[in-house]
Amino acid sequence: MTGNRSLKFKIPIYILLFFVSIIMMLPFLWMISVSLKPAGQIYEYPPSFIPSSFNFENYKVAWTRANFNLYFKNTVIFAVVGTILTLITCSLGGYTFAKLRFPGKELLFSIILFSMMLPFSSILIPLFLIVKSFPLAGGNNLFGKGGVGLVDTFSGLILPGIVSGYYIFLFKQFFSMLPDDLIYAARVDGCSEFRIFLQIILPLSKPILATVSIFSFMSRWNSLLWPLVVLNDPKKRTLQVGLAIFQGEQLTGGQWNELLAASAIALIPTVVIFLLGQKYFTTGIALTGMKE
């Protein structure tokens, strides 16, 4: 009886969620539809959701004309290398705050939490000046004078974002839930802290590693402002910068099909990454939200 009553409540919820998901998917489906339409079918009235003929040439034009092969390679380097470095630094930071004791720990963690409240636009100029004044790089002397530092380099693009207060917080929350007995036993056996972290903590941390990986990868893949500021060489442009330039060119000519084909190309990797890590992602979000 209880099961039937529970089912009666669940069915309307499932139906409602189904229609909400369809509504949320409509913009994405419309983008795919327009990207496959011939140029003459874009402005027809009434508009048709399914193209009369599928024109995959739009994707070829967007890929070649917008130089997306180069932008894709640059963005893969930016996103993958940046994500790996973020996982290393932030996981070590999270473990330190979760399992180690040292003077000023709470104060330092409070400062890290405070950094999460700062919008990126407020630190953009100081961050650029730090990158420009990086010692012994780009013609700079030991005091960061005389050259351009890491400006217009992949190092300048990647390094400023490899430490994040938000990701450290997520790792700290997850590591705090792991039993201390495992760490105490390993210390008694003579394991160093780094070996404990590497061989005991990390194998148990797949959900949070997947969560931070997805967040970090998607953030970098969709990043526009920082690459636009720090990079000048057209050959080093990332995908979003190239897409913004391509957008300006295509809107002038009214080629919405080619523009949306380019947008679909840019969207595919983030969708694939999310689908591959969805299982661990949902688990990681649920666990990091639990109280200690």
Protein backbone atom coordinates (compact mmCIF):
# COMPACT_ATOMS: atom_id res chain seq x y z
CA MET A 1 0.00 0.00 0.00
CA THR A 2 2.81 2.32 0.94
CA GLY A 3 4.63 1.47 -2.29
CA ASN A 4 1.59 2.32 -4.43
CA ARG A 5 1.14 5.62 -2.63
CA SER A 6 4.80 6.45 -3.10
CA LEU A 7 4.53 5.61 -6.80
CA LYS A 8 1.53 7.91 -7.21
CA PHE A 9 3.60 10.80 -5.88
CA LYS A 10 6.64 9.93 -7.99
CA ILE A 11 4.91 9.63 -11.37
CA PRO A 12 3.83 13.33 -11.55
CA ILE A 13 7.30 14.38 -10.45
CA TYR A 14 8.92 12.26 -13.17
CA ILE A 15 6.55 13.65 -15.78
CA LEU A 16 7.29 17.22 -14.65
CA LEU A 17 11.06 16.59 -14.71
CA PHE A 18 10.77 15.08 -18.18
CA PHE A 19 9.09 18.19 -19.60
CA VAL A 20 11.50 20.50 -17.78
CA SER A 21 14.45 18.58 -19.23
CA ILE A 22 12.94 18.87 -22.73
CA ILE A 23 12.54 22.63 -22.28
CA MET A 24 16.15 22.93 -21.12
CA MET A 25 17.34 20.87 -24.08
CA LEU A 26 15.48 22.94 -26.69
CA PRO A 27 18.17 25.66 -27.13
CA PHE A 28 20.83 23.00 -27.62
CA LEU A 29 18.67 21.06 -30.09
CA TRP A 30 17.83 24.26 -31.97
CA MET A 31 21.54 25.07 -32.24
CA ILE A 32 22.21 21.65 -33.76
CA SER A 33 19.24 22.07 -36.10
CA VAL A 34 20.34 25.48 -37.43
CA SER A 35 23.95 24.32 -37.74
CA LEU A 36 22.79 21.61 -40.17
CA LYS A 37 20.54 23.84 -42.29
CA PRO A 38 21.46 25.27 -45.70
CA ALA A 39 21.82 29.05 -45.77
CA GLY A 40 18.49 29.58 -47.53
CA GLN A 41 16.52 27.69 -44.89
CA ILE A 42 17.65 29.71 -41.86
CA TYR A 43 15.22 32.61 -42.30
CA GLU A 44 12.19 30.71 -43.59
CA TYR A 45 8.84 31.30 -41.91
CA PRO A 46 7.42 29.44 -40.16
CA PRO A 47 10.74 28.00 -38.97
CA SER A 48 11.22 24.25 -39.20
CA PHE A 49 12.88 22.33 -36.40
CA ILE A 50 14.11 19.51 -38.63
CA PRO A 51 16.20 20.61 -41.65
CA SER A 52 14.92 19.63 -45.08
CA SER A 53 18.48 18.52 -45.88
CA PHE A 54 21.40 18.01 -43.56
CA ASN A 55 24.29 20.27 -44.58
CA PHE A 56 27.40 19.01 -42.79
CA GLU A 57 29.45 21.37 -44.94
CA ASN A 58 28.75 24.06 -42.32
CA TYR A 59 30.96 22.18 -39.85
CA LYS A 60 33.75 21.83 -42.40
CA VAL A 61 33.58 25.55 -43.22
CA ALA A 62 33.56 26.51 -39.54
CA TRP A 63 36.51 24.21 -38.79
CA THR A 64 38.69 25.46 -41.65
CA ARG A 65 37.69 29.11 -41.98
CA ALA A 66 37.85 29.78 -38.24
CA ASN A 67 41.17 27.93 -37.93
CA PHE A 68 39.60 25.74 -35.26
CA ASN A 69 42.19 22.97 -35.63
CA LEU A 70 44.85 25.29 -34.17
CA TYR A 71 42.52 26.75 -31.54
CA PHE A 72 41.45 23.25 -30.52
CA LYS A 73 45.05 22.17 -29.98
CA ASN A 74 45.84 25.29 -27.95
CA THR A 75 42.74 24.86 -25.79
CA VAL A 76 43.44 21.18 -25.17
CA ILE A 77 46.91 22.11 -23.90
CA PHE A 78 45.45 24.88 -21.74
CA ALA A 79 42.64 22.75 -20.30
CA VAL A 80 44.42 19.42 -19.82
CA VAL A 81 47.72 20.71 -18.44
CA GLY A 82 45.94 23.27 -16.26
CA THR A 83 43.56 20.63 -14.88
CA ILE A 84 46.39 18.22 -14.04
CA LEU A 85 48.35 20.94 -12.22
CA THR A 86 45.18 22.05 -10.42
CA LEU A 87 44.53 18.51 -9.20
CA ILE A 88 48.08 18.25 -7.87
CA THR A 89 48.20 21.57 -6.03
CA CYS A 90 44.63 21.67 -4.72
CA SER A 91 44.54 18.03 -3.58
CA LEU A 92 47.76 18.58 -1.62
CA GLY A 93 46.28 21.77 -0.15
CA GLY A 94 43.04 20.03 0.76
CA TYR A 95 44.90 17.16 2.45
CA THR A 96 47.04 19.59 4.41
CA PHE A 97 44.04 21.45 5.83
CA ALA A 98 42.03 18.27 6.44
CA LYS A 99 44.57 15.97 8.08
CA LEU A 100 47.62 17.91 9.24
CA ARG A 101 48.05 20.19 12.23
CA PHE A 102 50.16 23.35 12.13
CA PRO A 103 50.05 26.85 13.66
CA GLY A 104 47.73 29.31 11.90
CA LYS A 105 45.85 26.58 10.05
CA GLU A 106 42.38 27.99 10.68
CA LEU A 107 43.43 31.57 9.85
CA LEU A 108 45.09 30.50 6.60
CA PHE A 109 42.06 28.45 5.58
CA SER A 110 39.79 31.42 6.34
CA ILE A 111 41.92 33.56 4.01
CA ILE A 112 41.57 30.91 1.29
CA LEU A 113 37.80 30.88 1.78
CA PHE A 114 37.77 34.68 1.56
CA SER A 115 39.56 34.50 -1.81
CA MET A 116 36.54 32.60 -3.15
CA MET A 117 34.43 35.73 -2.71
CA LEU A 118 36.58 37.87 -5.00
CA PRO A 119 35.28 38.17 -8.57
CA PHE A 120 37.89 37.44 -11.22
CA SER A 121 37.50 40.92 -12.72
CA SER A 122 38.76 42.47 -9.46
CA ILE A 123 42.08 40.60 -9.63
CA LEU A 124 42.53 40.67 -13.40
CA ILE A 125 44.90 43.66 -13.53
CA PRO A 126 47.05 42.61 -10.51
CA LEU A 127 47.27 39.11 -11.97
CA PHE A 128 48.40 40.46 -15.33
CA LEU A 129 51.05 42.64 -13.66
CA ILE A 130 52.35 39.62 -11.73
CA VAL A 131 52.60 37.60 -14.93
CA LYS A 132 54.29 40.50 -16.73
CA SER A 133 56.79 41.00 -13.89
CA PHE A 134 57.69 37.32 -13.46
CA PRO A 135 61.44 37.20 -12.66
CA LEU A 136 63.92 35.82 -15.20
CA ALA A 137 61.25 35.23 -17.87
CA GLY A 138 60.59 37.01 -21.14
CA GLY A 139 63.65 39.23 -20.81
CA ASN A 140 63.00 40.21 -17.18
CA ASN A 141 65.79 40.51 -14.67
CA LEU A 142 65.74 39.06 -11.15
CA PHE A 143 63.43 41.88 -10.04
CA GLY A 144 60.94 41.38 -12.89
CA LYS A 145 61.99 44.43 -14.92
CA GLY A 146 63.03 44.92 -18.53
CA GLY A 147 60.85 42.41 -20.37
CA VAL A 148 57.36 41.01 -20.79
CA GLY A 149 57.61 38.11 -18.35
CA LEU A 150 55.16 35.30 -19.08
CA VAL A 151 52.82 37.43 -21.19
CA ASP A 152 51.88 35.77 -24.49
CA THR A 153 53.05 32.32 -23.31
CA PHE A 154 51.21 29.16 -22.36
CA SER A 155 52.93 29.32 -18.97
CA GLY A 156 51.38 32.72 -18.32
CA LEU A 157 48.04 31.37 -19.51
CA ILE A 158 48.06 28.26 -17.32
CA LEU A 159 50.00 28.98 -14.10
CA PRO A 160 47.82 31.72 -12.51
CA GLY A 161 44.83 29.39 -12.32
CA ILE A 162 46.37 26.20 -10.95
CA VAL A 163 45.52 27.08 -7.32
CA SER A 164 41.88 27.67 -6.46
CA GLY A 165 40.34 28.29 -3.05
CA TYR A 166 37.14 26.62 -4.17
CA TYR A 167 38.85 23.39 -5.23
CA ILE A 168 40.96 23.32 -2.05
CA PHE A 169 37.72 23.66 -0.09
CA LEU A 170 36.14 20.75 -1.98
CA PHE A 171 39.17 18.52 -1.41
CA LYS A 172 39.32 19.50 2.26
CA GLN A 173 35.65 18.63 2.77
CA PHE A 174 36.08 15.25 1.12
CA PHE A 175 39.33 14.33 2.88
CA SER A 176 37.84 15.28 6.26
CA MET A 177 35.34 12.44 5.88
CA LEU A 178 38.04 9.79 5.38
CA PRO A 179 38.81 7.92 8.64
CA ASP A 180 41.90 9.13 10.50
CA ASP A 181 42.63 5.55 11.60
CA LEU A 182 43.96 4.76 8.12
CA ILE A 183 46.46 7.61 8.36
CA TYR A 184 47.49 6.79 11.95
CA ALA A 185 48.10 3.15 11.02
CA ALA A 186 50.21 4.18 8.04
CA ARG A 187 52.25 6.55 10.20
CA VAL A 188 52.89 3.78 12.72
CA ASP A 189 54.15 1.62 9.85
CA GLY A 190 56.62 4.37 8.97
CA CYS A 191 54.97 5.85 5.87
CA SER A 192 55.81 9.44 5.02
CA GLU A 193 52.97 11.94 4.62
CA PHE A 194 53.48 12.10 0.88
CA ARG A 195 53.34 8.29 0.58
CA ILE A 196 50.17 8.24 2.71
CA PHE A 197 48.63 10.84 0.43
CA LEU A 198 49.71 9.07 -2.74
CA GLN A 199 48.96 5.44 -1.87
CA ILE A 200 46.10 5.68 0.63
CA ILE A 201 44.22 8.96 0.20
CA LEU A 202 44.20 9.36 -3.58
CA PRO A 203 42.90 5.83 -4.40
CA LEU A 204 39.89 6.60 -2.16
CA SER A 205 39.29 9.99 -3.77
CA LYS A 206 38.02 9.17 -7.25
CA PRO A 207 34.70 11.03 -6.79
CA ILE A 208 36.29 14.34 -5.76
CA LEU A 209 39.08 13.99 -8.34
CA ALA A 210 36.44 13.54 -11.06
CA THR A 211 34.39 16.46 -9.73
CA VAL A 212 37.31 18.89 -9.67
CA SER A 213 38.56 17.62 -13.03
CA ILE A 214 35.21 18.34 -14.68
CA PHE A 215 34.90 21.78 -13.05
CA SER A 216 38.47 22.74 -13.90
CA PHE A 217 38.38 21.43 -17.47
CA MET A 218 35.07 23.11 -18.28
CA SER A 219 36.17 26.38 -16.70
CA ARG A 220 39.33 26.51 -18.80
CA TRP A 221 37.66 25.25 -21.97
CA ASN A 222 35.09 28.05 -21.76
CA SER A 223 37.53 30.72 -20.57
CA LEU A 224 37.54 33.90 -22.64
CA LEU A 225 38.63 36.89 -20.57
CA TRP A 226 42.03 35.72 -19.29
CA PRO A 227 43.25 34.26 -22.65
CA LEU A 228 42.07 37.47 -24.34
CA VAL A 229 44.16 39.58 -21.94
CA VAL A 230 47.34 37.54 -21.65
CA LEU A 231 47.73 36.29 -25.26
CA ASN A 232 48.62 38.47 -28.25
CA ASP A 233 49.89 35.94 -30.80
CA PRO A 234 47.05 34.75 -33.10
CA LYS A 235 48.71 31.33 -33.25
CA LYS A 236 48.22 30.91 -29.49
CA ARG A 237 44.55 31.83 -29.34
CA THR A 238 42.22 29.53 -27.47
CA LEU A 239 38.94 28.21 -28.79
CA GLN A 240 36.67 30.76 -27.11
CA VAL A 241 38.76 33.70 -28.34
CA GLY A 242 38.71 32.29 -31.86
CA LEU A 243 34.98 31.67 -31.59
CA ALA A 244 34.36 35.27 -30.48
CA ILE A 245 36.33 36.58 -33.47
CA PHE A 246 34.56 34.17 -35.81
CA GLN A 247 31.23 35.31 -34.35
CA GLY A 248 31.95 38.91 -35.24
CA GLU A 249 32.82 37.93 -38.79
CA GLN A 250 29.81 35.66 -39.32
CA LEU A 251 27.19 37.94 -37.81
CA THR A 252 28.21 40.61 -40.29
CA GLY A 253 27.44 38.21 -43.13
CA GLY A 254 24.42 36.67 -41.42
CA GLN A 255 25.87 33.12 -41.61
CA TRP A 256 24.15 31.81 -38.49
CA ASN A 257 24.42 28.18 -39.61
CA GLU A 258 28.23 28.31 -39.74
CA LEU A 259 28.41 30.21 -36.44
CA LEU A 260 26.24 27.67 -34.63
CA ALA A 261 28.23 24.84 -36.22
CA ALA A 262 31.35 26.40 -34.70
CA SER A 263 29.56 26.71 -31.34
CA ALA A 264 28.56 23.04 -31.49
CA ILE A 265 32.17 22.04 -32.16
CA ALA A 266 33.29 24.04 -29.13
CA LEU A 267 30.61 22.44 -26.95
CA ILE A 268 31.26 18.78 -27.78
CA PRO A 269 34.37 18.17 -25.55
CA THR A 270 32.72 19.53 -22.39
CA VAL A 271 29.64 17.37 -22.96
CA VAL A 272 31.81 14.27 -23.50
CA ILE A 273 33.90 14.98 -20.38
CA PHE A 274 30.79 15.46 -18.26
CA LEU A 275 29.15 12.25 -19.54
CA LEU A 276 32.29 10.22 -18.90
CA GLY A 277 32.66 11.51 -15.34
CA GLN A 278 28.99 11.93 -14.46
CA LYS A 279 28.89 8.98 -12.05
CA TYR A 280 31.82 10.21 -9.97
CA PHE A 281 30.78 13.84 -10.39
CA THR A 282 27.37 13.40 -8.73
CA THR A 283 28.89 11.29 -5.97
CA GLY A 284 31.61 13.85 -5.31
CA ILE A 285 29.16 16.74 -5.11
CA ALA A 286 26.96 14.81 -2.69
CA LEU A 287 29.86 13.81 -0.44
CA THR A 288 31.52 17.24 -0.28
CA GLY A 289 28.22 18.75 0.78
CA MET A 290 27.94 16.49 3.83
CA LYS A 291 28.76 17.77 7.28
CA GLU A 292 31.92 16.64 8.94
